[in-house]
Amino acid sequence: AVRVLPLTLLRKPVRNSFLRSFLFYVPYVTLAVM
């Protein structure tokens, strides 16, 4: 569900610059936390 939910909810490209930058850094933060 965690992997499929964003695919079903976000069908259009994300145009909000804050949200785009947030999503860009999520993998790096997740790796750092682990």
PDB file of all heavy atoms in Angstrom:
ATOM      1  N   ALA A   1       0.825  -1.215   0.000  1.00  0.00           N
ATOM      2  CA  ALA A   1       0.000   0.000   0.000  1.00  0.00           C
ATOM      3  C   ALA A   1       0.857   1.262   0.000  1.00  0.00           C
ATOM      4  O   ALA A   1       0.557   2.224  -0.712  1.00  0.00           O
ATOM      5  CB  ALA A   1      -0.934  -0.006   1.211  1.00  0.00           C
ATOM      6  N   VAL A   2       1.941   1.248   0.769  1.00  0.00           N
ATOM      7  CA  VAL A   2       2.822   2.414   0.824  1.00  0.00           C
ATOM      8  C   VAL A   2       3.470   2.669  -0.532  1.00  0.00           C
ATOM      9  O   VAL A   2       3.676   3.806  -0.941  1.00  0.00           O
ATOM     10  CB  VAL A   2       3.888   2.224   1.924  1.00  0.00           C
ATOM     11  CG1 VAL A   2       5.022   3.219   1.795  1.00  0.00           C
ATOM     12  CG2 VAL A   2       3.250   2.318   3.296  1.00  0.00           C
ATOM     13  N   ARG A   3       3.755   1.617  -1.274  1.00  0.00           N
ATOM     14  CA  ARG A   3       4.397   1.793  -2.581  1.00  0.00           C
ATOM     15  C   ARG A   3       3.400   2.128  -3.685  1.00  0.00           C
ATOM     16  O   ARG A   3       3.737   2.818  -4.638  1.00  0.00           O
ATOM     17  CB  ARG A   3       5.167   0.532  -2.939  1.00  0.00           C
ATOM     18  CG  ARG A   3       6.350   0.333  -2.023  1.00  0.00           C
ATOM     19  CD  ARG A   3       6.970  -1.018  -2.246  1.00  0.00           C
ATOM     20  NE  ARG A   3       7.947  -1.280  -1.219  1.00  0.00           N
ATOM     21  CZ  ARG A   3       9.251  -1.305  -1.424  1.00  0.00           C
ATOM     22  NH1 ARG A   3       9.724  -1.090  -2.626  1.00  0.00           N
ATOM     23  NH2 ARG A   3      10.071  -1.548  -0.448  1.00  0.00           N
ATOM     24  N   VAL A   4       2.181   1.630  -3.586  1.00  0.00           N
ATOM     25  CA  VAL A   4       1.203   1.825  -4.652  1.00  0.00           C
ATOM     26  C   VAL A   4       0.388   3.100  -4.453  1.00  0.00           C
ATOM     27  O   VAL A   4      -0.018   3.734  -5.430  1.00  0.00           O
ATOM     28  CB  VAL A   4       0.272   0.595  -4.750  1.00  0.00           C
ATOM     29  CG1 VAL A   4      -0.895   0.847  -5.670  1.00  0.00           C
ATOM     30  CG2 VAL A   4       1.069  -0.604  -5.227  1.00  0.00           C
ATOM     31  N   LEU A   5       0.146   3.492  -3.216  1.00  0.00           N
ATOM     32  CA  LEU A   5      -0.689   4.655  -2.934  1.00  0.00           C
ATOM     33  C   LEU A   5      -0.211   5.931  -3.627  1.00  0.00           C
ATOM     34  O   LEU A   5      -1.023   6.632  -4.238  1.00  0.00           O
ATOM     35  CB  LEU A   5      -0.802   4.858  -1.422  1.00  0.00           C
ATOM     36  CG  LEU A   5      -1.953   5.702  -0.929  1.00  0.00           C
ATOM     37  CD1 LEU A   5      -3.285   5.108  -1.379  1.00  0.00           C
ATOM     38  CD2 LEU A   5      -1.915   5.803   0.575  1.00  0.00           C
ATOM     39  N   PRO A   6       1.072   6.273  -3.571  1.00  0.00           N
ATOM     40  CA  PRO A   6       1.495   7.481  -4.291  1.00  0.00           C
ATOM     41  C   PRO A   6       1.269   7.386  -5.801  1.00  0.00           C
ATOM     42  O   PRO A   6       0.970   8.386  -6.450  1.00  0.00           O
ATOM     43  CB  PRO A   6       2.991   7.590  -3.979  1.00  0.00           C
ATOM     44  CG  PRO A   6       3.158   6.842  -2.728  1.00  0.00           C
ATOM     45  CD  PRO A   6       2.146   5.738  -2.756  1.00  0.00           C
ATOM     46  N   LEU A   7       1.413   6.196  -6.359  1.00  0.00           N
ATOM     47  CA  LEU A   7       1.185   6.046  -7.797  1.00  0.00           C
ATOM     48  C   LEU A   7      -0.271   6.291  -8.167  1.00  0.00           C
ATOM     49  O   LEU A   7      -0.563   6.819  -9.239  1.00  0.00           O
ATOM     50  CB  LEU A   7       1.602   4.644  -8.250  1.00  0.00           C
ATOM     51  CG  LEU A   7       3.091   4.332  -8.182  1.00  0.00           C
ATOM     52  CD1 LEU A   7       3.340   2.879  -8.530  1.00  0.00           C
ATOM     53  CD2 LEU A   7       3.860   5.239  -9.110  1.00  0.00           C
ATOM     54  N   THR A   8      -1.171   5.901  -7.307  1.00  0.00           N
ATOM     55  CA  THR A   8      -2.595   6.090  -7.614  1.00  0.00           C
ATOM     56  C   THR A   8      -3.072   7.501  -7.292  1.00  0.00           C
ATOM     57  O   THR A   8      -3.967   8.011  -7.953  1.00  0.00           O
ATOM     58  CB  THR A   8      -3.454   5.079  -6.830  1.00  0.00           C
ATOM     59  OG1 THR A   8      -3.216   5.244  -5.435  1.00  0.00           O
ATOM     60  CG2 THR A   8      -3.129   3.659  -7.240  1.00  0.00           C
ATOM     61  N   LEU A   9      -2.479   8.152  -6.297  1.00  0.00           N
ATOM     62  CA  LEU A   9      -2.924   9.492  -5.906  1.00  0.00           C
ATOM     63  C   LEU A   9      -2.265  10.602  -6.726  1.00  0.00           C
ATOM     64  O   LEU A   9      -2.873  11.636  -6.964  1.00  0.00           O
ATOM     65  CB  LEU A   9      -2.642   9.726  -4.419  1.00  0.00           C
ATOM     66  CG  LEU A   9      -3.444   8.865  -3.443  1.00  0.00           C
ATOM     67  CD1 LEU A   9      -3.033   9.190  -2.020  1.00  0.00           C
ATOM     68  CD2 LEU A   9      -4.931   9.060  -3.631  1.00  0.00           C
ATOM     69  N   LEU A  10      -1.037  10.391  -7.141  1.00  0.00           N
ATOM     70  CA  LEU A  10      -0.295  11.426  -7.854  1.00  0.00           C
ATOM     71  C   LEU A  10      -0.163  11.038  -9.326  1.00  0.00           C
ATOM     72  O   LEU A  10       0.870  10.573  -9.772  1.00  0.00           O
ATOM     73  CB  LEU A  10       1.098  11.615  -7.238  1.00  0.00           C
ATOM     74  CG  LEU A  10       1.138  12.002  -5.773  1.00  0.00           C
ATOM     75  CD1 LEU A  10       2.560  11.997  -5.260  1.00  0.00           C
ATOM     76  CD2 LEU A  10       0.518  13.367  -5.569  1.00  0.00           C
ATOM     77  N   ARG A  11      -1.210  11.255 -10.076  1.00  0.00           N
ATOM     78  CA  ARG A  11      -1.180  10.909 -11.503  1.00  0.00           C
ATOM     79  C   ARG A  11      -0.582  12.019 -12.345  1.00  0.00           C
ATOM     80  O   ARG A  11      -0.014  11.784 -13.388  1.00  0.00           O
ATOM     81  CB  ARG A  11      -2.585  10.575 -11.992  1.00  0.00           C
ATOM     82  CG  ARG A  11      -3.089   9.309 -11.341  1.00  0.00           C
ATOM     83  CD  ARG A  11      -4.437   8.942 -11.854  1.00  0.00           C
ATOM     84  NE  ARG A  11      -4.920   7.811 -11.083  1.00  0.00           N
ATOM     85  CZ  ARG A  11      -5.537   6.796 -11.606  1.00  0.00           C
ATOM     86  NH1 ARG A  11      -5.776   6.767 -12.893  1.00  0.00           N
ATOM     87  NH2 ARG A  11      -5.942   5.804 -10.863  1.00  0.00           N
ATOM     88  N   LYS A  12      -0.703  13.255 -11.889  1.00  0.00           N
ATOM     89  CA  LYS A  12      -0.146  14.380 -12.619  1.00  0.00           C
ATOM     90  C   LYS A  12       1.232  14.717 -12.055  1.00  0.00           C
ATOM     91  O   LYS A  12       1.526  14.396 -10.909  1.00  0.00           O
ATOM     92  CB  LYS A  12      -1.063  15.598 -12.484  1.00  0.00           C
ATOM     93  CG  LYS A  12      -2.432  15.412 -13.077  1.00  0.00           C
ATOM     94  CD  LYS A  12      -3.274  16.634 -12.854  1.00  0.00           C
ATOM     95  CE  LYS A  12      -4.683  16.409 -13.368  1.00  0.00           C
ATOM     96  NZ  LYS A  12      -5.546  17.554 -13.081  1.00  0.00           N
ATOM     97  N   PRO A  13       2.068  15.371 -12.830  1.00  0.00           N
ATOM     98  CA  PRO A  13       3.372  15.797 -12.289  1.00  0.00           C
ATOM     99  C   PRO A  13       3.191  16.777 -11.134  1.00  0.00           C
ATOM    100  O   PRO A  13       2.283  17.614 -11.152  1.00  0.00           O
ATOM    101  CB  PRO A  13       4.050  16.479 -13.475  1.00  0.00           C
ATOM    102  CG  PRO A  13       3.312  16.033 -14.683  1.00  0.00           C
ATOM    103  CD  PRO A  13       1.930  15.673 -14.242  1.00  0.00           C
ATOM    104  N   VAL A  14       4.064  16.689 -10.149  1.00  0.00           N
ATOM    105  CA  VAL A  14       4.010  17.583  -8.994  1.00  0.00           C
ATOM    106  C   VAL A  14       4.615  18.916  -9.408  1.00  0.00           C
ATOM    107  O   VAL A  14       5.768  18.980  -9.853  1.00  0.00           O
ATOM    108  CB  VAL A  14       4.782  16.982  -7.807  1.00  0.00           C
ATOM    109  CG1 VAL A  14       4.785  17.922  -6.632  1.00  0.00           C
ATOM    110  CG2 VAL A  14       4.192  15.636  -7.417  1.00  0.00           C
ATOM    111  N   ARG A  15       3.854  19.999  -9.273  1.00  0.00           N
ATOM    112  CA  ARG A  15       4.310  21.319  -9.698  1.00  0.00           C
ATOM    113  C   ARG A  15       4.761  22.198  -8.524  1.00  0.00           C
ATOM    114  O   ARG A  15       5.478  23.166  -8.719  1.00  0.00           O
ATOM    115  CB  ARG A  15       3.207  22.027 -10.462  1.00  0.00           C
ATOM    116  CG  ARG A  15       2.839  21.298 -11.731  1.00  0.00           C
ATOM    117  CD  ARG A  15       1.973  22.172 -12.616  1.00  0.00           C
ATOM    118  NE  ARG A  15       1.446  21.420 -13.733  1.00  0.00           N
ATOM    119  CZ  ARG A  15       2.071  21.234 -14.876  1.00  0.00           C
ATOM    120  NH1 ARG A  15       3.270  21.726 -15.030  1.00  0.00           N
ATOM    121  NH2 ARG A  15       1.513  20.551 -15.850  1.00  0.00           N
ATOM    122  N   ASN A  16       4.360  21.845  -7.336  1.00  0.00           N
ATOM    123  CA  ASN A  16       4.735  22.617  -6.156  1.00  0.00           C
ATOM    124  C   ASN A  16       6.234  22.424  -5.894  1.00  0.00           C
ATOM    125  O   ASN A  16       6.706  21.308  -5.699  1.00  0.00           O
ATOM    126  CB  ASN A  16       3.911  22.150  -4.961  1.00  0.00           C
ATOM    127  CG  ASN A  16       4.151  23.002  -3.737  1.00  0.00           C
ATOM    128  OD1 ASN A  16       5.102  23.766  -3.655  1.00  0.00           O
ATOM    129  ND2 ASN A  16       3.257  22.861  -2.772  1.00  0.00           N
ATOM    130  N   SER A  17       6.996  23.526  -5.883  1.00  0.00           N
ATOM    131  CA  SER A  17       8.451  23.420  -5.735  1.00  0.00           C
ATOM    132  C   SER A  17       8.846  22.901  -4.356  1.00  0.00           C
ATOM    133  O   SER A  17       9.817  22.145  -4.230  1.00  0.00           O
ATOM    134  CB  SER A  17       9.115  24.767  -6.003  1.00  0.00           C
ATOM    135  OG  SER A  17       8.666  25.723  -5.070  1.00  0.00           O
ATOM    136  N   PHE A  18       8.101  23.295  -3.320  1.00  0.00           N
ATOM    137  CA  PHE A  18       8.417  22.805  -1.978  1.00  0.00           C
ATOM    138  C   PHE A  18       8.216  21.291  -1.898  1.00  0.00           C
ATOM    139  O   PHE A  18       9.072  20.566  -1.389  1.00  0.00           O
ATOM    140  CB  PHE A  18       7.548  23.496  -0.928  1.00  0.00           C
ATOM    141  CG  PHE A  18       7.762  22.956   0.459  1.00  0.00           C
ATOM    142  CD1 PHE A  18       8.886  23.311   1.180  1.00  0.00           C
ATOM    143  CD2 PHE A  18       6.847  22.093   1.035  1.00  0.00           C
ATOM    144  CE1 PHE A  18       9.106  22.819   2.451  1.00  0.00           C
ATOM    145  CE2 PHE A  18       7.045  21.593   2.307  1.00  0.00           C
ATOM    146  CZ  PHE A  18       8.181  21.955   3.015  1.00  0.00           C
ATOM    147  N   LEU A  19       7.105  20.799  -2.410  1.00  0.00           N
ATOM    148  CA  LEU A  19       6.823  19.367  -2.387  1.00  0.00           C
ATOM    149  C   LEU A  19       7.826  18.600  -3.246  1.00  0.00           C
ATOM    150  O   LEU A  19       8.273  17.511  -2.870  1.00  0.00           O
ATOM    151  CB  LEU A  19       5.392  19.100  -2.854  1.00  0.00           C
ATOM    152  CG  LEU A  19       4.890  17.671  -2.739  1.00  0.00           C
ATOM    153  CD1 LEU A  19       4.978  17.172  -1.306  1.00  0.00           C
ATOM    154  CD2 LEU A  19       3.455  17.573  -3.242  1.00  0.00           C
ATOM    155  N   ARG A  20       8.207  19.169  -4.380  1.00  0.00           N
ATOM    156  CA  ARG A  20       9.201  18.503  -5.240  1.00  0.00           C
ATOM    157  C   ARG A  20      10.542  18.385  -4.538  1.00  0.00           C
ATOM    158  O   ARG A  20      11.192  17.350  -4.601  1.00  0.00           O
ATOM    159  CB  ARG A  20       9.360  19.271  -6.545  1.00  0.00           C
ATOM    160  CG  ARG A  20       8.221  19.050  -7.500  1.00  0.00           C
ATOM    161  CD  ARG A  20       8.415  19.889  -8.728  1.00  0.00           C
ATOM    162  NE  ARG A  20       9.647  19.524  -9.413  1.00  0.00           N
ATOM    163  CZ  ARG A  20       9.703  18.962 -10.601  1.00  0.00           C
ATOM    164  NH1 ARG A  20       8.585  18.747 -11.258  1.00  0.00           N
ATOM    165  NH2 ARG A  20      10.846  18.665 -11.139  1.00  0.00           N
ATOM    166  N   SER A  21      10.966  19.440  -3.876  1.00  0.00           N
ATOM    167  CA  SER A  21      12.243  19.378  -3.165  1.00  0.00           C
ATOM    168  C   SER A  21      12.158  18.413  -1.990  1.00  0.00           C
ATOM    169  O   SER A  21      13.113  17.689  -1.700  1.00  0.00           O
ATOM    170  CB  SER A  21      12.675  20.762  -2.693  1.00  0.00           C
ATOM    171  OG  SER A  21      11.793  21.256  -1.721  1.00  0.00           O
ATOM    172  N   PHE A  22      11.018  18.386  -1.305  1.00  0.00           N
ATOM    173  CA  PHE A  22      10.822  17.439  -0.211  1.00  0.00           C
ATOM    174  C   PHE A  22      10.925  16.004  -0.727  1.00  0.00           C
ATOM    175  O   PHE A  22      11.640  15.179  -0.153  1.00  0.00           O
ATOM    176  CB  PHE A  22       9.462  17.671   0.447  1.00  0.00           C
ATOM    177  CG  PHE A  22       9.108  16.650   1.479  1.00  0.00           C
ATOM    178  CD1 PHE A  22       9.682  16.694   2.737  1.00  0.00           C
ATOM    179  CD2 PHE A  22       8.211  15.636   1.186  1.00  0.00           C
ATOM    180  CE1 PHE A  22       9.362  15.747   3.697  1.00  0.00           C
ATOM    181  CE2 PHE A  22       7.886  14.682   2.129  1.00  0.00           C
ATOM    182  CZ  PHE A  22       8.469  14.739   3.386  1.00  0.00           C
ATOM    183  N   LEU A  23      10.253  15.694  -1.801  1.00  0.00           N
ATOM    184  CA  LEU A  23      10.284  14.344  -2.358  1.00  0.00           C
ATOM    185  C   LEU A  23      11.659  13.986  -2.911  1.00  0.00           C
ATOM    186  O   LEU A  23      12.039  12.823  -2.912  1.00  0.00           O
ATOM    187  CB  LEU A  23       9.216  14.204  -3.451  1.00  0.00           C
ATOM    188  CG  LEU A  23       7.774  14.259  -2.963  1.00  0.00           C
ATOM    189  CD1 LEU A  23       6.822  14.262  -4.154  1.00  0.00           C
ATOM    190  CD2 LEU A  23       7.470  13.105  -2.036  1.00  0.00           C
ATOM    191  N   PHE A  24      12.404  14.979  -3.368  1.00  0.00           N
ATOM    192  CA  PHE A  24      13.747  14.722  -3.879  1.00  0.00           C
ATOM    193  C   PHE A  24      14.678  14.233  -2.775  1.00  0.00           C
ATOM    194  O   PHE A  24      15.498  13.345  -2.983  1.00  0.00           O
ATOM    195  CB  PHE A  24      14.315  15.998  -4.515  1.00  0.00           C
ATOM    196  CG  PHE A  24      15.713  15.843  -5.015  1.00  0.00           C
ATOM    197  CD1 PHE A  24      15.961  15.211  -6.221  1.00  0.00           C
ATOM    198  CD2 PHE A  24      16.782  16.328  -4.279  1.00  0.00           C
ATOM    199  CE1 PHE A  24      17.260  15.071  -6.690  1.00  0.00           C
ATOM    200  CE2 PHE A  24      18.076  16.192  -4.734  1.00  0.00           C
ATOM    201  CZ  PHE A  24      18.320  15.555  -5.946  1.00  0.00           C
ATOM    202  N   TYR A  25      14.557  14.798  -1.563  1.00  0.00           N
ATOM    203  CA  TYR A  25      15.465  14.461  -0.472  1.00  0.00           C
ATOM    204  C   TYR A  25      15.013  13.288   0.388  1.00  0.00           C
ATOM    205  O   TYR A  25      15.772  12.832   1.245  1.00  0.00           O
ATOM    206  CB  TYR A  25      15.706  15.687   0.419  1.00  0.00           C
ATOM    207  CG  TYR A  25      16.553  16.726  -0.258  1.00  0.00           C
ATOM    208  CD1 TYR A  25      16.009  17.930  -0.658  1.00  0.00           C
ATOM    209  CD2 TYR A  25      17.894  16.484  -0.519  1.00  0.00           C
ATOM    210  CE1 TYR A  25      16.789  18.887  -1.294  1.00  0.00           C
ATOM    211  CE2 TYR A  25      18.681  17.417  -1.154  1.00  0.00           C
ATOM    212  CZ  TYR A  25      18.117  18.618  -1.540  1.00  0.00           C
ATOM    213  OH  TYR A  25      18.884  19.554  -2.166  1.00  0.00           O
ATOM    214  N   VAL A  26      13.834  12.767   0.202  1.00  0.00           N
ATOM    215  CA  VAL A  26      13.336  11.668   1.033  1.00  0.00           C
ATOM    216  C   VAL A  26      14.246  10.435   0.984  1.00  0.00           C
ATOM    217  O   VAL A  26      14.571   9.866   2.029  1.00  0.00           O
ATOM    218  CB  VAL A  26      11.870  11.321   0.673  1.00  0.00           C
ATOM    219  CG1 VAL A  26      11.454   9.985   1.243  1.00  0.00           C
ATOM    220  CG2 VAL A  26      10.946  12.410   1.176  1.00  0.00           C
ATOM    221  N   PRO A  27      14.709   9.978  -0.178  1.00  0.00           N
ATOM    222  CA  PRO A  27      15.583   8.786  -0.170  1.00  0.00           C
ATOM    223  C   PRO A  27      16.889   9.003   0.596  1.00  0.00           C
ATOM    224  O   PRO A  27      17.345   8.105   1.298  1.00  0.00           O
ATOM    225  CB  PRO A  27      15.874   8.530  -1.653  1.00  0.00           C
ATOM    226  CG  PRO A  27      14.791   9.220  -2.385  1.00  0.00           C
ATOM    227  CD  PRO A  27      14.386  10.385  -1.541  1.00  0.00           C
ATOM    228  N   TYR A  28      17.471  10.185   0.502  1.00  0.00           N
ATOM    229  CA  TYR A  28      18.723  10.463   1.205  1.00  0.00           C
ATOM    230  C   TYR A  28      18.512  10.485   2.713  1.00  0.00           C
ATOM    231  O   TYR A  28      19.326   9.951   3.471  1.00  0.00           O
ATOM    232  CB  TYR A  28      19.312  11.795   0.737  1.00  0.00           C
ATOM    233  CG  TYR A  28      19.596  11.822  -0.738  1.00  0.00           C
ATOM    234  CD1 TYR A  28      18.837  12.609  -1.592  1.00  0.00           C
ATOM    235  CD2 TYR A  28      20.604  11.040  -1.284  1.00  0.00           C
ATOM    236  CE1 TYR A  28      19.092  12.632  -2.953  1.00  0.00           C
ATOM    237  CE2 TYR A  28      20.862  11.054  -2.637  1.00  0.00           C
ATOM    238  CZ  TYR A  28      20.107  11.847  -3.478  1.00  0.00           C
ATOM    239  OH  TYR A  28      20.349  11.869  -4.811  1.00  0.00           O
ATOM    240  N   VAL A  29      17.436  11.089   3.141  1.00  0.00           N
ATOM    241  CA  VAL A  29      17.150  11.152   4.570  1.00  0.00           C
ATOM    242  C   VAL A  29      16.853   9.754   5.114  1.00  0.00           C
ATOM    243  O   VAL A  29      17.312   9.389   6.194  1.00  0.00           O
ATOM    244  CB  VAL A  29      15.972  12.117   4.840  1.00  0.00           C
ATOM    245  CG1 VAL A  29      15.502  12.029   6.271  1.00  0.00           C
ATOM    246  CG2 VAL A  29      16.373  13.532   4.493  1.00  0.00           C
ATOM    247  N   THR A  30      16.114   8.971   4.364  1.00  0.00           N
ATOM    248  CA  THR A  30      15.792   7.612   4.800  1.00  0.00           C
ATOM    249  C   THR A  30      17.063   6.777   4.943  1.00  0.00           C
ATOM    250  O   THR A  30      17.240   6.063   5.937  1.00  0.00           O
ATOM    251  CB  THR A  30      14.836   6.946   3.800  1.00  0.00           C
ATOM    252  OG1 THR A  30      13.683   7.775   3.653  1.00  0.00           O
ATOM    253  CG2 THR A  30      14.419   5.571   4.268  1.00  0.00           C
ATOM    254  N   LEU A  31      17.959   6.883   3.983  1.00  0.00           N
ATOM    255  CA  LEU A  31      19.223   6.157   4.063  1.00  0.00           C
ATOM    256  C   LEU A  31      20.048   6.622   5.255  1.00  0.00           C
ATOM    257  O   LEU A  31      20.631   5.804   5.979  1.00  0.00           O
ATOM    258  CB  LEU A  31      20.003   6.346   2.763  1.00  0.00           C
ATOM    259  CG  LEU A  31      21.342   5.639   2.686  1.00  0.00           C
ATOM    260  CD1 LEU A  31      21.140   4.124   2.763  1.00  0.00           C
ATOM    261  CD2 LEU A  31      22.060   6.007   1.415  1.00  0.00           C
ATOM    262  N   ALA A  32      20.080   7.918   5.492  1.00  0.00           N
ATOM    263  CA  ALA A  32      20.838   8.444   6.623  1.00  0.00           C
ATOM    264  C   ALA A  32      20.270   7.977   7.957  1.00  0.00           C
ATOM    265  O   ALA A  32      21.013   7.598   8.861  1.00  0.00           O
ATOM    266  CB  ALA A  32      20.853   9.973   6.568  1.00  0.00           C
ATOM    267  N   VAL A  33      18.955   7.973   8.075  1.00  0.00           N
ATOM    268  CA  VAL A  33      18.317   7.548   9.327  1.00  0.00           C
ATOM    269  C   VAL A  33      18.592   6.076   9.610  1.00  0.00           C
ATOM    270  O   VAL A  33      18.751   5.671  10.756  1.00  0.00           O
ATOM    271  CB  VAL A  33      16.796   7.839   9.267  1.00  0.00           C
ATOM    272  CG1 VAL A  33      16.052   7.135  10.367  1.00  0.00           C
ATOM    273  CG2 VAL A  33      16.555   9.326   9.336  1.00  0.00           C
ATOM    274  N   MET A  34      18.681   5.274   8.573  1.00  0.00           N
ATOM    275  CA  MET A  34      18.963   3.845   8.777  1.00  0.00           C
ATOM    276  C   MET A  34      20.449   3.592   8.995  1.00  0.00           C
ATOM    277  O   MET A  34      20.823   2.664   9.706  1.00  0.00           O
ATOM    278  CB  MET A  34      18.485   3.033   7.576  1.00  0.00           C
ATOM    279  CG  MET A  34      16.999   3.001   7.420  1.00  0.00           C
ATOM    280  SD  MET A  34      16.420   1.903   6.130  1.00  0.00           S
ATOM    281  CE  MET A  34      17.414   2.329   4.733  1.00  0.00           C
TER     282      MET A  34
END
